[in-house]
Amino acid sequence: MATETPVRILVIDDEPIIHESLKKVLGREGFQVSCALSAREGLGLLSRESFALVLTDLMMPEMDGLEFLAELKKASIPTPAIMITGYPTIRTALQSLRLGAADYIPKPFTRRELLPPVWRTLRKARQETLLAKEDAGAMEGSEPPAIDAEQPGEPMTPLPGDRYCLPEHAWAVYEQEGTFAVGVEESFLRSIGRVVQVVLPEEHDLVEQGFPGIRLVTQDGEEHHPFLPVSGRVVERNRGLLERPTEIKTSTWLIRVIPSHLSVELPFLKKVSKP
């Protein structure tokens, strides 16, 4: 994904070994990488220089990733941020999506797991910039889809038809039978291009919130794994989509899941109000 003018990425992590690892992987793709050892140092660089993307550790001393997101917003710095998180902090990573993180990458990760979220985030940023320019006048006076403002930890009871989303990844609609139909968010699909293969978990497989369970292969050979919005047991797969993967849309359900930890997991999702 190299360009004539290198895309600048800022890495924030308190471990120099992470800096070297990310520099090596991202540098091979043509990115220009700068590094900071703390969130405060990173904020200083962002205030003085221009970056297309930030990769930051979620758990750092003095200022963690959630506090970093709040400072970015406070300073009106629009640079998208991807959180890097370990397994014990997946819940915090989910919370970071609610607070505006562009994505997150669980540790440890491979090159194949690191690059797709980077590509998606950069493409989304370009698309949003173009749309903002084209629709600056047309959007005046219009309102975006309403998002309910529940906070993590607040109990919620879903009703049939209620729609929730794991921002930038996947949606889940609660059904009369007590299952959730699960599909992929529009922004995710728009950022990966034409899908030519869909790989779904098998019926009776167990899936987990915040972890990949679906594989989407594009015509460019990229593999993308949207994180799932709910944990539970898969009871049905969209077999028609497996046969015709190019027909996938944001309205397409991929799997149906009987949820296993509903009261714990719903507060980490955004509830999209019905029109």
Protein backbone atom coordinates (compact mmCIF):
# COMPACT_ATOMS: atom_id res chain seq x y z
CA MET A 1 0.00 0.00 0.00
CA ALA A 2 3.02 2.25 -0.58
CA THR A 3 2.51 5.70 -2.10
CA GLU A 4 4.81 8.36 -3.60
CA THR A 5 4.36 10.45 -0.45
CA PRO A 6 4.72 8.03 2.49
CA VAL A 7 1.74 7.82 4.82
CA ARG A 8 2.81 8.82 8.32
CA ILE A 9 1.87 6.61 11.28
CA LEU A 10 2.55 7.39 14.94
CA VAL A 11 3.19 4.45 17.29
CA ILE A 12 2.68 5.07 21.03
CA ASP A 13 3.91 2.34 23.36
CA ASP A 14 6.06 2.23 26.48
CA GLU A 15 8.03 -0.77 25.15
CA PRO A 16 10.81 0.05 22.64
CA ILE A 17 10.67 -3.51 21.30
CA ILE A 18 7.12 -2.83 20.08
CA HIS A 19 8.40 0.28 18.31
CA GLU A 20 11.02 -1.71 16.45
CA SER A 21 8.60 -4.48 15.52
CA LEU A 22 5.96 -2.10 14.15
CA LYS A 23 8.57 0.00 12.36
CA LYS A 24 9.82 -3.09 10.57
CA VAL A 25 6.40 -4.39 9.51
CA LEU A 26 4.87 -1.03 8.57
CA GLY A 27 8.07 0.22 6.94
CA ARG A 28 8.02 -2.72 4.55
CA GLU A 29 4.58 -1.56 3.42
CA GLY A 30 5.90 1.91 2.62
CA PHE A 31 4.65 3.69 5.74
CA GLN A 32 6.75 6.30 7.54
CA VAL A 33 6.69 5.47 11.26
CA SER A 34 7.40 7.78 14.21
CA CYS A 35 7.36 6.59 17.81
CA ALA A 36 6.54 7.90 21.29
CA LEU A 37 7.11 6.19 24.64
CA SER A 38 4.06 7.72 26.34
CA ALA A 39 0.64 9.08 25.53
CA ARG A 40 1.68 12.58 26.59
CA GLU A 41 4.70 12.48 24.28
CA GLY A 42 2.40 11.24 21.51
CA LEU A 43 -0.05 14.09 22.09
CA GLY A 44 2.82 16.54 21.83
CA LEU A 45 3.86 15.12 18.45
CA LEU A 46 0.27 15.17 17.20
CA SER A 47 -0.09 18.81 18.16
CA ARG A 48 2.98 19.75 16.11
CA GLU A 49 2.98 17.30 13.21
CA SER A 50 0.51 15.64 10.87
CA PHE A 51 -0.14 11.89 10.98
CA ALA A 52 -2.65 9.77 9.09
CA LEU A 53 -3.02 7.20 11.89
CA VAL A 54 -2.08 6.47 15.49
CA LEU A 55 -1.35 2.99 16.84
CA THR A 56 -1.36 3.13 20.63
CA ASP A 57 -1.12 0.65 23.45
CA LEU A 58 -4.29 0.59 25.53
CA MET A 59 -2.64 -0.03 28.90
CA MET A 60 0.18 2.43 29.67
CA PRO A 61 1.38 4.17 32.84
CA GLU A 62 0.31 7.75 33.60
CA MET A 63 -2.24 7.96 30.77
CA ASP A 64 -4.02 4.92 29.32
CA GLY A 65 -5.64 4.54 25.90
CA LEU A 66 -9.09 5.70 27.01
CA GLU A 67 -7.66 8.85 28.57
CA PHE A 68 -5.63 9.37 25.38
CA LEU A 69 -8.84 9.22 23.30
CA ALA A 70 -10.43 11.81 25.57
CA GLU A 71 -7.41 14.12 25.18
CA LEU A 72 -7.50 13.72 21.39
CA LYS A 73 -11.14 14.79 21.38
CA LYS A 74 -10.48 17.66 23.80
CA ALA A 75 -7.67 18.96 21.56
CA SER A 76 -9.82 18.53 18.41
CA ILE A 77 -7.20 16.26 16.82
CA PRO A 78 -9.03 14.23 14.15
CA THR A 79 -6.33 11.58 13.63
CA PRO A 80 -7.90 8.10 13.89
CA ALA A 81 -6.48 5.84 16.60
CA ILE A 82 -6.19 2.05 16.71
CA MET A 83 -5.81 0.49 20.16
CA ILE A 84 -3.38 -2.38 20.78
CA THR A 85 -4.61 -4.54 23.62
CA GLY A 86 -3.89 -7.80 25.44
CA TYR A 87 -6.52 -10.47 26.09
CA PRO A 88 -7.26 -9.34 29.70
CA THR A 89 -8.22 -5.87 28.43
CA ILE A 90 -10.61 -6.85 25.62
CA ARG A 91 -13.53 -5.34 27.57
CA THR A 92 -11.66 -2.05 27.78
CA ALA A 93 -10.94 -2.30 24.04
CA LEU A 94 -14.66 -2.68 23.39
CA GLN A 95 -15.26 0.39 25.50
CA SER A 96 -12.66 2.26 23.44
CA LEU A 97 -14.74 1.65 20.29
CA ARG A 98 -17.71 3.28 22.01
CA LEU A 99 -15.50 6.25 22.83
CA GLY A 100 -14.28 6.77 19.29
CA ALA A 101 -11.34 4.44 18.64
CA ALA A 102 -11.16 3.46 14.97
CA ASP A 103 -10.33 -0.17 15.76
CA TYR A 104 -8.29 -2.38 18.07
CA ILE A 105 -5.76 -5.17 17.60
CA PRO A 106 -5.43 -7.94 20.21
CA LYS A 107 -1.89 -8.92 21.27
CA PRO A 108 0.06 -10.90 20.32
CA PHE A 109 -0.52 -10.24 16.63
CA THR A 110 1.08 -11.28 13.38
CA ARG A 111 1.77 -9.19 10.28
CA ARG A 112 -1.41 -10.62 8.70
CA GLU A 113 -3.42 -9.51 11.74
CA LEU A 114 -1.85 -6.06 11.98
CA LEU A 115 -2.12 -4.81 8.41
CA PRO A 116 -5.86 -5.26 7.58
CA PRO A 117 -7.06 -2.95 10.41
CA VAL A 118 -4.47 -0.37 9.32
CA TRP A 119 -5.62 -0.52 5.69
CA ARG A 120 -9.31 -0.35 6.71
CA THR A 121 -8.80 2.65 8.97
CA LEU A 122 -6.81 4.60 6.38
CA ARG A 123 -9.40 3.87 3.68
CA LYS A 124 -12.26 4.91 5.97
CA ALA A 125 -10.47 8.17 6.78
CA ARG A 126 -10.02 8.93 3.07
CA GLN A 127 -13.63 8.03 2.30
CA GLU A 128 -14.94 10.18 5.15
CA THR A 129 -12.82 13.13 4.00
CA LEU A 130 -14.20 12.84 0.46
CA LEU A 131 -17.77 12.45 1.68
CA ALA A 132 -17.41 15.44 3.99
CA LYS A 133 -16.28 17.59 1.08
CA GLU A 134 -19.03 16.37 -1.24
CA ASP A 135 -21.84 16.55 1.31
CA ALA A 136 -20.86 19.67 3.24
CA GLY A 137 -23.86 21.57 1.93
CA ALA A 138 -26.26 18.68 1.37
CA MET A 139 -25.98 17.41 4.94
CA GLU A 140 -26.80 20.74 6.57
CA GLY A 141 -29.86 20.30 8.73
CA SER A 142 -29.93 16.50 8.48
CA GLU A 143 -29.48 14.23 11.46
CA PRO A 144 -27.35 11.06 11.73
CA PRO A 145 -28.88 7.76 12.92
CA ALA A 146 -29.66 8.07 16.62
CA ILE A 147 -27.46 6.21 19.07
CA ASP A 148 -28.72 5.51 22.58
CA ALA A 149 -26.35 6.65 25.28
CA GLU A 150 -26.13 3.68 27.66
CA GLN A 151 -22.86 3.47 29.55
CA PRO A 152 -20.89 0.24 30.04
CA GLY A 153 -22.18 -1.54 33.12
CA GLU A 154 -25.75 -0.32 32.75
CA PRO A 155 -28.20 -3.28 32.51
CA MET A 156 -30.26 -3.48 29.35
CA THR A 157 -33.09 -5.79 28.30
CA PRO A 158 -33.41 -6.28 24.54
CA LEU A 159 -36.75 -6.46 22.74
CA PRO A 160 -37.34 -8.19 19.39
CA GLY A 161 -36.10 -5.92 16.63
CA ASP A 162 -33.59 -4.06 18.80
CA ARG A 163 -30.35 -3.44 16.90
CA TYR A 164 -26.92 -3.15 18.47
CA CYS A 165 -23.52 -2.61 16.92
CA LEU A 166 -19.89 -3.14 17.73
CA PRO A 167 -18.72 0.09 16.07
CA GLU A 168 -16.83 -0.30 12.78
CA HIS A 169 -17.22 -4.08 12.87
CA ALA A 170 -20.55 -5.87 13.19
CA TRP A 171 -24.22 -5.50 14.11
CA ALA A 172 -26.64 -7.77 15.96
CA VAL A 173 -30.45 -7.71 15.84
CA TYR A 174 -32.41 -9.41 18.63
CA GLU A 175 -35.08 -11.78 17.32
CA GLN A 176 -38.37 -13.13 18.64
CA GLU A 177 -36.83 -16.58 19.16
CA GLY A 178 -34.17 -15.21 21.53
CA THR A 179 -31.41 -15.38 18.93
CA PHE A 180 -29.29 -12.60 17.46
CA ALA A 181 -28.88 -12.23 13.71
CA VAL A 182 -25.35 -10.96 13.08
CA GLY A 183 -24.07 -8.98 10.08
CA VAL A 184 -21.21 -6.67 9.12
CA GLU A 185 -21.26 -2.89 9.59
CA GLU A 186 -21.45 -0.74 6.46
CA SER A 187 -18.22 1.12 7.23
CA PHE A 188 -16.33 -2.18 7.49
CA LEU A 189 -17.61 -3.48 4.16
CA ARG A 190 -17.02 -0.16 2.42
CA SER A 191 -13.39 -0.11 3.54
CA ILE A 192 -12.40 -3.57 2.28
CA GLY A 193 -13.72 -3.61 -1.30
CA ARG A 194 -15.32 -6.47 -3.22
CA VAL A 195 -15.73 -9.68 -1.20
CA VAL A 196 -15.21 -12.93 -3.13
CA GLN A 197 -15.23 -15.47 -0.28
CA VAL A 198 -17.02 -15.68 3.05
CA VAL A 199 -15.96 -18.18 5.75
CA LEU A 200 -18.39 -18.60 8.64
CA PRO A 201 -18.22 -20.60 11.87
CA GLU A 202 -20.01 -23.95 11.82
CA GLU A 203 -23.36 -24.52 13.47
CA HIS A 204 -22.91 -25.38 17.18
CA ASP A 205 -19.55 -23.54 17.26
CA LEU A 206 -19.03 -21.14 20.16
CA VAL A 207 -18.13 -17.54 19.32
CA GLU A 208 -16.94 -14.76 21.64
CA GLN A 209 -17.67 -11.05 21.77
CA GLY A 210 -14.82 -8.85 20.60
CA PHE A 211 -12.97 -11.64 18.81
CA PRO A 212 -12.93 -12.64 15.12
CA GLY A 213 -15.25 -15.41 14.00
CA ILE A 214 -15.92 -14.52 10.36
CA ARG A 215 -13.41 -14.31 7.51
CA LEU A 216 -13.97 -12.12 4.45
CA VAL A 217 -11.58 -12.51 1.51
CA THR A 218 -11.47 -9.72 -1.08
CA GLN A 219 -10.66 -9.79 -4.77
CA ASP A 220 -7.26 -8.28 -3.90
CA GLY A 221 -6.47 -11.30 -1.73
CA GLU A 222 -6.79 -9.45 1.57
CA GLU A 223 -8.36 -11.25 4.54
CA HIS A 224 -10.48 -9.29 6.99
CA HIS A 225 -12.00 -10.52 10.24
CA PRO A 226 -14.81 -8.42 11.75
CA PHE A 227 -15.04 -8.81 15.52
CA LEU A 228 -18.28 -10.37 16.71
CA PRO A 229 -20.77 -8.35 18.80
CA VAL A 230 -22.05 -11.17 21.03
CA SER A 231 -20.85 -14.44 22.53
CA GLY A 232 -22.81 -17.64 22.25
CA ARG A 233 -23.55 -20.72 20.15
CA VAL A 234 -24.06 -20.53 16.39
CA VAL A 235 -27.42 -22.06 15.45
CA GLU A 236 -27.65 -21.07 11.78
CA ARG A 237 -25.42 -19.93 8.92
CA ASN A 238 -26.45 -18.02 5.82
CA ARG A 239 -25.77 -20.81 3.32
CA GLY A 240 -26.93 -18.71 0.39
CA LEU A 241 -24.20 -16.19 1.15
CA LEU A 242 -21.58 -18.93 1.26
CA GLU A 243 -22.57 -19.83 -2.30
CA ARG A 244 -22.83 -16.20 -3.48
CA PRO A 245 -20.35 -14.20 -1.36
CA THR A 246 -20.26 -11.23 -3.75
CA GLU A 247 -23.85 -10.46 -2.74
CA ILE A 248 -22.92 -9.51 0.82
CA LYS A 249 -24.40 -6.20 1.98
CA THR A 250 -24.63 -4.40 5.29
CA SER A 251 -28.24 -5.66 5.54
CA THR A 252 -27.17 -9.30 5.08
CA TRP A 253 -27.24 -11.53 8.14
CA LEU A 254 -24.34 -14.00 8.28
CA ILE A 255 -25.00 -16.12 11.35
CA ARG A 256 -27.60 -16.53 14.08
CA VAL A 257 -26.37 -16.90 17.63
CA ILE A 258 -28.00 -17.94 20.90
CA PRO A 259 -26.33 -15.48 23.32
CA SER A 260 -24.58 -16.77 26.42
CA HIS A 261 -23.60 -13.61 28.35
CA LEU A 262 -26.22 -11.11 27.29
CA SER A 263 -26.47 -8.97 30.44
CA VAL A 264 -22.70 -8.58 30.62
CA GLU A 265 -22.10 -7.90 26.93
CA LEU A 266 -24.90 -5.59 25.78
CA PRO A 267 -23.55 -2.57 27.70
CA PHE A 268 -20.39 -2.72 25.58
CA LEU A 269 -22.40 -2.29 22.37
CA LYS A 270 -24.08 0.77 20.92
CA LYS A 271 -27.83 0.52 20.57
CA VAL A 272 -29.09 1.98 17.33
CA SER A 273 -32.52 3.52 17.77
CA LYS A 274 -35.30 2.49 15.44
CA PRO A 275 -36.18 5.09 12.80
